[in-house]
C-alpha atoms as a PDB file:
ATOM      1  CA  MET A   1     -10.865 -79.245  25.016  1.00  0.00           C
ATOM      2  CA  PRO A   2     -13.374 -77.963  22.494  1.00  0.00           C
ATOM      3  CA  TRP A   3     -12.254 -75.631  19.750  1.00  0.00           C
ATOM      4  CA  GLU A   4     -13.745 -72.168  19.512  1.00  0.00           C
ATOM      5  CA  PHE A   5     -15.085 -70.727  16.253  1.00  0.00           C
ATOM      6  CA  PRO A   6     -16.986 -67.554  15.409  1.00  0.00           C
ATOM      7  CA  VAL A   7     -19.997 -68.517  13.269  1.00  0.00           C
ATOM      8  CA  LYS A   8     -22.511 -65.887  12.138  1.00  0.00           C
ATOM      9  CA  GLY A   9     -21.409 -63.513  14.902  1.00  0.00           C
ATOM     10  CA  GLU A  10     -21.706 -66.125  17.665  1.00  0.00           C
ATOM     11  CA  THR A  11     -18.968 -68.051  19.453  1.00  0.00           C
ATOM     12  CA  VAL A  12     -19.399 -71.776  18.905  1.00  0.00           C
ATOM     13  CA  HIS A  13     -17.526 -74.457  20.867  1.00  0.00           C
ATOM     14  CA  GLU A  14     -17.008 -77.692  18.993  1.00  0.00           C
ATOM     15  CA  ALA A  15     -15.640 -80.935  20.399  1.00  0.00           C
ATOM     16  CA  MET A  16     -12.937 -82.211  18.048  1.00  0.00           C
ATOM     17  CA  THR A  17     -11.626 -85.746  17.659  1.00  0.00           C
ATOM     18  CA  HIS A  18      -8.014 -85.590  18.733  1.00  0.00           C
ATOM     19  CA  VAL A  19      -4.847 -87.584  18.204  1.00  0.00           C
ATOM     20  CA  VAL A  20      -2.992 -85.701  20.922  1.00  0.00           C
ATOM     21  CA  CYS A  21      -4.692 -83.823  23.738  1.00  0.00           C
ATOM     22  CA  CYS A  22      -2.678 -81.427  25.866  1.00  0.00           C
ATOM     23  CA  SER A  23      -3.225 -78.300  27.901  1.00  0.00           C
ATOM     24  CA  ASP A  24       0.099 -76.763  26.830  1.00  0.00           C
ATOM     25  CA  PRO A  25      -0.238 -74.505  23.748  1.00  0.00           C
ATOM     26  CA  GLU A  26       3.447 -74.841  22.896  1.00  0.00           C
ATOM     27  CA  ALA A  27       3.240 -78.649  22.998  1.00  0.00           C
ATOM     28  CA  GLU A  28       0.212 -78.529  20.684  1.00  0.00           C
ATOM     29  CA  MET A  29       2.126 -76.280  18.302  1.00  0.00           C
ATOM     30  CA  HIS A  30       5.123 -78.628  18.216  1.00  0.00           C
ATOM     31  CA  ALA A  31       2.847 -81.631  17.637  1.00  0.00           C
ATOM     32  CA  THR A  32       1.298 -79.763  14.704  1.00  0.00           C
ATOM     33  CA  LEU A  33       4.727 -78.778  13.370  1.00  0.00           C
ATOM     34  CA  GLY A  34       5.716 -82.443  13.659  1.00  0.00           C
ATOM     35  CA  GLY A  35       2.876 -83.431  11.340  1.00  0.00           C
ATOM     36  CA  ILE A  36       0.737 -85.220  13.919  1.00  0.00           C
ATOM     37  CA  GLY A  37      -2.370 -83.277  12.887  1.00  0.00           C
ATOM     38  CA  ILE A  38      -3.932 -79.835  12.849  1.00  0.00           C
ATOM     39  CA  GLY A  39      -4.219 -77.596  15.883  1.00  0.00           C
ATOM     40  CA  GLN A  40      -5.909 -74.421  17.066  1.00  0.00           C
ATOM     41  CA  ILE A  41      -2.775 -72.498  17.987  1.00  0.00           C
ATOM     42  CA  ASP A  42      -2.573 -68.985  19.428  1.00  0.00           C
ATOM     43  CA  SER A  43      -0.795 -66.169  17.596  1.00  0.00           C
ATOM     44  CA  ILE A  44       1.847 -65.770  20.285  1.00  0.00           C
ATOM     45  CA  ASN A  45       3.181 -69.236  19.504  1.00  0.00           C
ATOM     46  CA  ALA A  46       2.290 -69.483  15.815  1.00  0.00           C
ATOM     47  CA  ALA A  47       3.171 -66.062  14.329  1.00  0.00           C
ATOM     48  CA  GLY A  48       6.809 -66.783  13.538  1.00  0.00           C
ATOM     49  CA  PHE A  49       6.071 -70.259  12.172  1.00  0.00           C
ATOM     50  CA  ILE A  50       3.236 -68.943   9.987  1.00  0.00           C
ATOM     51  CA  ARG A  51       5.462 -66.215   8.551  1.00  0.00           C
ATOM     52  CA  ALA A  52       8.261 -68.752   7.962  1.00  0.00           C
ATOM     53  CA  GLY A  53       5.834 -71.042   6.117  1.00  0.00           C
ATOM     54  CA  ALA A  54       6.185 -73.896   8.631  1.00  0.00           C
ATOM     55  CA  LEU A  55       2.518 -73.565   9.677  1.00  0.00           C
ATOM     56  CA  VAL A  56      -0.285 -72.946   7.187  1.00  0.00           C
ATOM     57  CA  PRO A  57      -3.505 -71.303   8.409  1.00  0.00           C
ATOM     58  CA  LEU A  58      -6.692 -73.327   7.843  1.00  0.00           C
ATOM     59  CA  LEU A  59     -10.334 -72.365   8.453  1.00  0.00           C
ATOM     60  CA  VAL A  60      -9.312 -68.697   8.369  1.00  0.00           C
ATOM     61  CA  ARG A  61     -12.867 -67.409   8.076  1.00  0.00           C
ATOM     62  CA  HIS A  62     -13.567 -69.067  11.425  1.00  0.00           C
ATOM     63  CA  THR A  63     -10.546 -67.627  13.228  1.00  0.00           C
ATOM     64  CA  SER A  64     -11.356 -66.521  16.769  1.00  0.00           C
ATOM     65  CA  GLU A  65      -9.927 -63.223  17.925  1.00  0.00           C
ATOM     66  CA  ARG A  66     -11.556 -63.463  21.342  1.00  0.00           C
ATOM     67  CA  MET A  67      -8.812 -65.441  23.006  1.00  0.00           C
ATOM     68  CA  GLY A  68      -6.132 -63.447  24.694  1.00  0.00           C
ATOM     69  CA  LEU A  69      -3.334 -63.662  27.160  1.00  0.00           C
ATOM     70  CA  TYR A  70      -4.354 -63.035  30.737  1.00  0.00           C
ATOM     71  CA  LEU A  71      -2.072 -62.426  33.667  1.00  0.00           C
ATOM     72  CA  TYR A  72      -3.602 -62.982  37.079  1.00  0.00           C
ATOM     73  CA  TYR A  73      -2.186 -61.428  40.203  1.00  0.00           C
ATOM     74  CA  ALA A  74      -4.015 -61.487  43.501  1.00  0.00           C
ATOM     75  CA  GLN A  75      -3.361 -57.956  44.694  1.00  0.00           C
ATOM     76  CA  ARG A  76      -2.352 -54.586  43.342  1.00  0.00           C
ATOM     77  CA  LYS A  77      -1.261 -53.155  46.676  1.00  0.00           C
ATOM     78  CA  ASP A  78       2.009 -54.224  48.212  1.00  0.00           C
ATOM     79  CA  MET A  79       2.983 -56.004  45.030  1.00  0.00           C
ATOM     80  CA  PRO A  80       6.590 -57.223  44.974  1.00  0.00           C
ATOM     81  CA  ALA A  81       8.723 -55.082  42.661  1.00  0.00           C
ATOM     82  CA  ARG A  82       9.751 -58.111  40.584  1.00  0.00           C
ATOM     83  CA  VAL A  83       6.082 -58.903  39.831  1.00  0.00           C
ATOM     84  CA  ARG A  84       5.398 -55.295  38.795  1.00  0.00           C
ATOM     85  CA  ARG A  85       8.506 -55.317  36.563  1.00  0.00           C
ATOM     86  CA  PHE A  86       7.392 -58.544  34.910  1.00  0.00           C
ATOM     87  CA  ILE A  87       3.888 -57.190  34.266  1.00  0.00           C
ATOM     88  CA  ASP A  88       5.294 -53.976  32.778  1.00  0.00           C
ATOM     89  CA  PHE A  89       7.750 -55.990  30.648  1.00  0.00           C
ATOM     90  CA  ALA A  90       5.036 -58.342  29.364  1.00  0.00           C
ATOM     91  CA  VAL A  91       2.659 -55.519  28.468  1.00  0.00           C
ATOM     92  CA  GLN A  92       5.394 -53.521  26.715  1.00  0.00           C
ATOM     93  CA  ARG A  93       6.643 -56.554  24.794  1.00  0.00           C
ATOM     94  CA  LEU A  94       3.306 -58.031  23.761  1.00  0.00           C
ATOM     95  CA  GLN A  95       0.962 -55.087  23.291  1.00  0.00           C
ATOM     96  CA  GLY A  96       0.615 -54.339  19.609  1.00  0.00           C
ATOM     97  CA  GLY A  97       3.680 -56.426  18.809  1.00  0.00           C
ATOM     98  CA  ALA A  98       3.641 -57.781  15.253  1.00  0.00           C
ATOM     99  CA  ALA A  99       6.031 -60.544  16.288  1.00  0.00           C
ATOM    100  CA  PHE A 100       3.273 -62.125  18.391  1.00  0.00           C
ATOM    101  CA  HIS A 101       0.170 -61.405  16.309  1.00  0.00           C
ATOM    102  CA  VAL A 102      -0.874 -62.233  12.750  1.00  0.00           C
ATOM    103  CA  PRO A 103      -3.739 -59.975  11.632  1.00  0.00           C
ATOM    104  CA  LEU A 104      -6.667 -61.648   9.865  1.00  0.00           C
ATOM    105  CA  ALA A 105      -5.793 -60.035   6.516  1.00  0.00           C
ATOM    106  CA  GLU A 106      -2.295 -61.521   6.686  1.00  0.00           C
ATOM    107  CA  LEU A 107      -3.696 -64.945   7.697  1.00  0.00           C
ATOM    108  CA  ARG A 108      -5.874 -64.893   4.581  1.00  0.00           C
ATOM    109  CA  THR A 109      -2.865 -64.296   2.329  1.00  0.00           C
ATOM    110  CA  ARG A 110      -0.975 -67.190   3.931  1.00  0.00           C
ATOM    111  CA  ALA A 111      -3.919 -69.631   4.049  1.00  0.00           C
ATOM    112  CA  ALA A 112      -3.926 -72.984   2.277  1.00  0.00           C
END
């Protein structure tokens, strides 16, 4: 998968040579933590490790803030109660939560 960078106000996709290629963000994070290489890891997975000093932000001036977490559900009517509860829980837990997001200013202070 290509990496995404903002460059001069435009989103650029760049193919990167990889040692490990996976479609699981958590697996990529653990490979990076294990010293296999560098990774483009989302804030949800990386925030705690960045704050603990286990991950060090690189290329901070090219950090993309466009990526987000999306939850797809086929219908809004007749939605099972458990699905609605999960959606409400996820929004409440993630929206504006500092535990899952590292603002750009904080990334800069923790950068290599």
